[in-house]
Amino acid sequence: MEDKLRLTLDCVGSIKKDENLCVVQLKEKNYDLQLTFITNQNMGSELLMRLDDSPVGKSRLQRLLPEVMWESLRGFSDSEDYEMCIESVESDGEYRTVLYNKIYGGHYDIRLADAVLLQEVSGIPLYIRKSLAKSQMFHPTGKRNVTALPLNVMPLDVLEKSLAECIENEDYRAAQRLNEEINKRKSIIKEDERDEGN
């Protein structure tokens, strides 16, 4: 595991002015780093439930589908048979995360939010490549309700809303960086559409 860092779920929060999205923060304790990504409100609620360590919270989880499915499969497989790793950032701004079966050698792409949920339910470890961590992870800001989020993994609609805010606030330097990322993403989308048309 020398080229990987282990991640754990730290907290789930909301995005100012957008109740449909949540910010998920993962932490790596040895280097005091955090990885932040955005997911939908439903997944945010699922992850928040797993952060509730109270007896009532734990008992509520026992009958939920992910926990029931994992419990039913434990006779056939164990969490040590698997690992998950964030391998890269895709051109669409999604983290490419892979679930590896260490016994049979199989691997399966999985959304990062689902990988975090699977780790919480099963204990299957989630890692990030160190080379990727250098560009995507940050030290905690120390400010309450503020977290760092790399532009290259912000959803396009969030980038566009942020651009409008920056222009309104006359923060033209930030607006320029956001605009560059938006244009890059849109050109990739156009390329993909052209490729699908051929």
Protein backbone atom coordinates (compact mmCIF):
# COMPACT_ATOMS: atom_id res chain seq x y z
CA MET A 1 0.00 0.00 0.00
CA GLU A 2 3.00 2.34 -0.27
CA ASP A 3 1.57 4.22 -3.26
CA LYS A 4 -1.86 4.72 -1.63
CA LEU A 5 -3.38 6.65 1.24
CA ARG A 6 -6.32 5.27 3.26
CA LEU A 7 -9.40 7.50 3.40
CA THR A 8 -12.26 7.54 5.90
CA LEU A 9 -15.53 9.44 5.97
CA ASP A 10 -15.21 12.59 8.05
CA CYS A 11 -18.33 14.68 7.52
CA VAL A 12 -21.19 15.55 5.19
CA GLY A 13 -22.39 19.10 4.67
CA SER A 14 -24.51 21.24 2.41
CA ILE A 15 -23.73 23.65 -0.37
CA LYS A 16 -24.79 27.23 0.14
CA LYS A 17 -27.80 28.04 -2.06
CA ASP A 18 -28.23 24.48 -3.40
CA GLU A 19 -30.26 22.06 -1.30
CA ASN A 20 -30.01 19.26 -3.90
CA LEU A 21 -26.28 18.76 -3.43
CA CYS A 22 -24.06 17.73 -0.52
CA VAL A 23 -20.36 18.11 0.16
CA VAL A 24 -18.66 14.96 1.43
CA GLN A 25 -15.32 15.21 3.17
CA LEU A 26 -12.95 12.27 3.49
CA LYS A 27 -9.86 12.41 5.65
CA GLU A 28 -6.43 10.83 5.71
CA LYS A 29 -5.24 10.98 9.28
CA ASN A 30 -1.46 10.39 8.97
CA TYR A 31 -0.84 13.39 6.71
CA ASP A 32 -3.78 15.47 8.01
CA LEU A 33 -5.28 15.78 4.52
CA GLN A 34 -8.85 15.94 3.30
CA LEU A 35 -10.53 15.05 0.02
CA THR A 36 -13.81 16.76 -0.78
CA PHE A 37 -16.37 15.87 -3.43
CA ILE A 38 -19.98 16.68 -4.24
CA THR A 39 -22.86 14.21 -4.37
CA ASN A 40 -26.64 14.39 -4.41
CA GLN A 41 -28.79 14.99 -1.34
CA ASN A 42 -30.04 11.38 -1.18
CA MET A 43 -26.54 9.94 -1.00
CA GLY A 44 -25.57 12.64 1.47
CA SER A 45 -28.41 11.51 3.74
CA GLU A 46 -27.29 7.87 3.44
CA LEU A 47 -23.76 8.80 4.45
CA LEU A 48 -24.93 11.02 7.30
CA MET A 49 -26.87 8.08 8.78
CA ARG A 50 -23.63 6.05 8.88
CA LEU A 51 -21.91 8.81 10.86
CA ASP A 52 -24.47 8.51 13.67
CA ASP A 53 -22.67 6.44 16.35
CA SER A 54 -25.53 6.48 18.84
CA PRO A 55 -27.22 3.16 19.76
CA VAL A 56 -30.44 4.39 18.14
CA GLY A 57 -28.57 5.33 14.98
CA LYS A 58 -26.81 1.96 14.79
CA SER A 59 -30.02 -0.01 15.37
CA ARG A 60 -31.75 1.97 12.59
CA LEU A 61 -29.16 0.78 10.09
CA GLN A 62 -29.57 -2.95 10.75
CA ARG A 63 -32.58 -3.28 8.44
CA LEU A 64 -31.41 -1.03 5.61
CA LEU A 65 -30.65 -2.66 2.25
CA PRO A 66 -26.86 -2.05 2.11
CA GLU A 67 -26.31 -3.48 5.60
CA VAL A 68 -28.68 -6.43 5.01
CA MET A 69 -27.04 -7.27 1.66
CA TRP A 70 -23.53 -7.12 3.11
CA GLU A 71 -24.52 -9.25 6.10
CA SER A 72 -26.09 -11.86 3.79
CA LEU A 73 -22.90 -12.03 1.65
CA ARG A 74 -20.44 -12.29 4.52
CA GLY A 75 -20.50 -16.09 4.46
CA PHE A 76 -19.13 -16.00 0.90
CA SER A 77 -16.74 -13.12 1.14
CA ASP A 78 -15.05 -10.84 3.63
CA SER A 79 -13.94 -7.21 3.56
CA GLU A 80 -10.29 -8.32 3.44
CA ASP A 81 -11.00 -9.85 0.01
CA TYR A 82 -11.55 -6.38 -1.47
CA GLU A 83 -10.18 -2.88 -1.64
CA MET A 84 -11.25 0.28 -3.43
CA CYS A 85 -9.01 2.94 -4.88
CA ILE A 86 -9.53 6.39 -6.38
CA GLU A 87 -7.37 6.11 -9.48
CA SER A 88 -7.84 9.37 -11.40
CA VAL A 89 -10.12 12.26 -12.32
CA GLU A 90 -12.19 11.68 -15.47
CA SER A 91 -12.62 14.40 -18.08
CA ASP A 92 -16.19 14.97 -16.87
CA GLY A 93 -14.97 15.86 -13.37
CA GLU A 94 -15.84 12.53 -11.72
CA TYR A 95 -13.33 10.59 -9.67
CA ARG A 96 -12.60 7.21 -11.26
CA THR A 97 -12.87 4.77 -8.38
CA VAL A 98 -12.32 1.03 -8.72
CA LEU A 99 -13.39 -1.89 -6.51
CA TYR A 100 -10.77 -4.65 -6.63
CA ASN A 101 -11.38 -8.29 -5.75
CA LYS A 102 -8.01 -9.37 -4.35
CA ILE A 103 -8.89 -13.08 -4.45
CA TYR A 104 -10.05 -13.44 -8.06
CA GLY A 105 -8.39 -10.39 -9.56
CA GLY A 106 -11.61 -8.79 -10.82
CA HIS A 107 -12.11 -5.03 -10.79
CA TYR A 108 -15.23 -2.90 -11.16
CA ASP A 109 -15.73 0.83 -11.62
CA ILE A 110 -17.82 2.36 -8.84
CA ARG A 111 -18.98 5.92 -8.14
CA LEU A 112 -16.98 7.53 -5.35
CA ALA A 113 -20.07 8.21 -3.23
CA ASP A 114 -21.08 4.55 -3.52
CA ALA A 115 -17.55 3.47 -2.61
CA VAL A 116 -17.71 5.60 0.55
CA LEU A 117 -21.08 4.06 1.43
CA LEU A 118 -19.73 0.56 0.79
CA GLN A 119 -16.76 1.26 3.06
CA GLU A 120 -19.08 2.44 5.83
CA VAL A 121 -21.30 -0.63 5.49
CA SER A 122 -18.69 -3.34 4.92
CA GLY A 123 -15.34 -2.06 6.13
CA ILE A 124 -13.79 -2.54 2.67
CA PRO A 125 -10.93 -0.01 2.68
CA LEU A 126 -10.95 2.99 0.37
CA TYR A 127 -7.64 4.43 -0.84
CA ILE A 128 -6.42 7.18 -3.13
CA ARG A 129 -3.26 7.02 -5.22
CA LYS A 130 -0.57 9.24 -3.68
CA SER A 131 0.15 10.82 -7.05
CA LEU A 132 -3.51 11.89 -7.29
CA ALA A 133 -3.67 12.93 -3.63
CA LYS A 134 -0.97 15.54 -4.28
CA SER A 135 -3.27 17.49 -6.59
CA GLN A 136 -6.68 16.70 -5.07
CA MET A 137 -6.21 16.71 -1.29
CA PHE A 138 -5.71 19.67 1.01
CA HIS A 139 -4.91 20.36 4.62
CA PRO A 140 -8.06 21.35 6.54
CA THR A 141 -8.79 25.07 6.23
CA GLY A 142 -9.38 25.54 9.95
CA LYS A 143 -12.37 27.71 9.12
CA ARG A 144 -15.80 26.56 10.18
CA ASN A 145 -18.14 25.68 7.27
CA VAL A 146 -15.36 26.14 4.68
CA THR A 147 -13.64 23.39 2.74
CA ALA A 148 -11.38 23.22 -0.29
CA LEU A 149 -12.78 21.61 -3.44
CA PRO A 150 -10.65 21.23 -6.58
CA LEU A 151 -12.21 22.84 -9.66
CA ASN A 152 -11.64 19.72 -11.74
CA VAL A 153 -14.22 17.73 -9.71
CA MET A 154 -16.88 20.39 -9.28
CA PRO A 155 -20.08 19.58 -11.20
CA LEU A 156 -20.59 21.79 -14.26
CA ASP A 157 -23.75 23.41 -12.88
CA VAL A 158 -21.91 24.30 -9.64
CA LEU A 159 -19.06 25.80 -11.67
CA GLU A 160 -21.54 27.93 -13.62
CA LYS A 161 -23.29 29.15 -10.45
CA SER A 162 -19.93 29.96 -8.88
CA LEU A 163 -18.89 31.87 -12.01
CA ALA A 164 -22.02 34.01 -11.81
CA GLU A 165 -21.32 34.73 -8.11
CA CYS A 166 -17.70 35.68 -8.83
CA ILE A 167 -18.76 38.08 -11.58
CA GLU A 168 -21.42 39.59 -9.31
CA ASN A 169 -18.80 40.04 -6.56
CA GLU A 170 -16.26 41.37 -9.08
CA ASP A 171 -13.79 38.58 -8.29
CA TYR A 172 -12.47 38.42 -11.83
CA ARG A 173 -9.41 36.30 -11.09
CA ALA A 174 -11.56 33.47 -9.69
CA ALA A 175 -14.08 34.02 -12.49
CA GLN A 176 -11.33 33.51 -15.06
CA ARG A 177 -10.24 30.19 -13.50
CA LEU A 178 -13.86 29.00 -13.33
CA ASN A 179 -14.51 30.06 -16.92
CA GLU A 180 -11.44 28.15 -18.14
CA GLU A 181 -12.64 24.98 -16.40
CA ILE A 182 -16.18 25.41 -17.77
CA ASN A 183 -14.87 25.88 -21.33
CA LYS A 184 -12.57 22.86 -20.99
CA ARG A 185 -15.48 20.67 -19.84
CA LYS A 186 -17.82 21.91 -22.55
CA SER A 187 -15.24 21.23 -25.27
CA ILE A 188 -14.83 17.68 -23.92
CA ILE A 189 -18.61 17.20 -23.97
CA LYS A 190 -18.73 18.43 -27.58
CA GLU A 191 -15.89 16.07 -28.54
CA ASP A 192 -17.68 13.14 -26.91
CA GLU A 193 -20.92 14.02 -28.72
CA ARG A 194 -19.04 14.18 -32.04
CA ASP A 195 -17.41 10.81 -31.36
CA GLU A 196 -20.79 9.25 -30.54
CA GLY A 197 -22.25 10.66 -33.77
CA ASN A 198 -19.57 8.94 -35.90
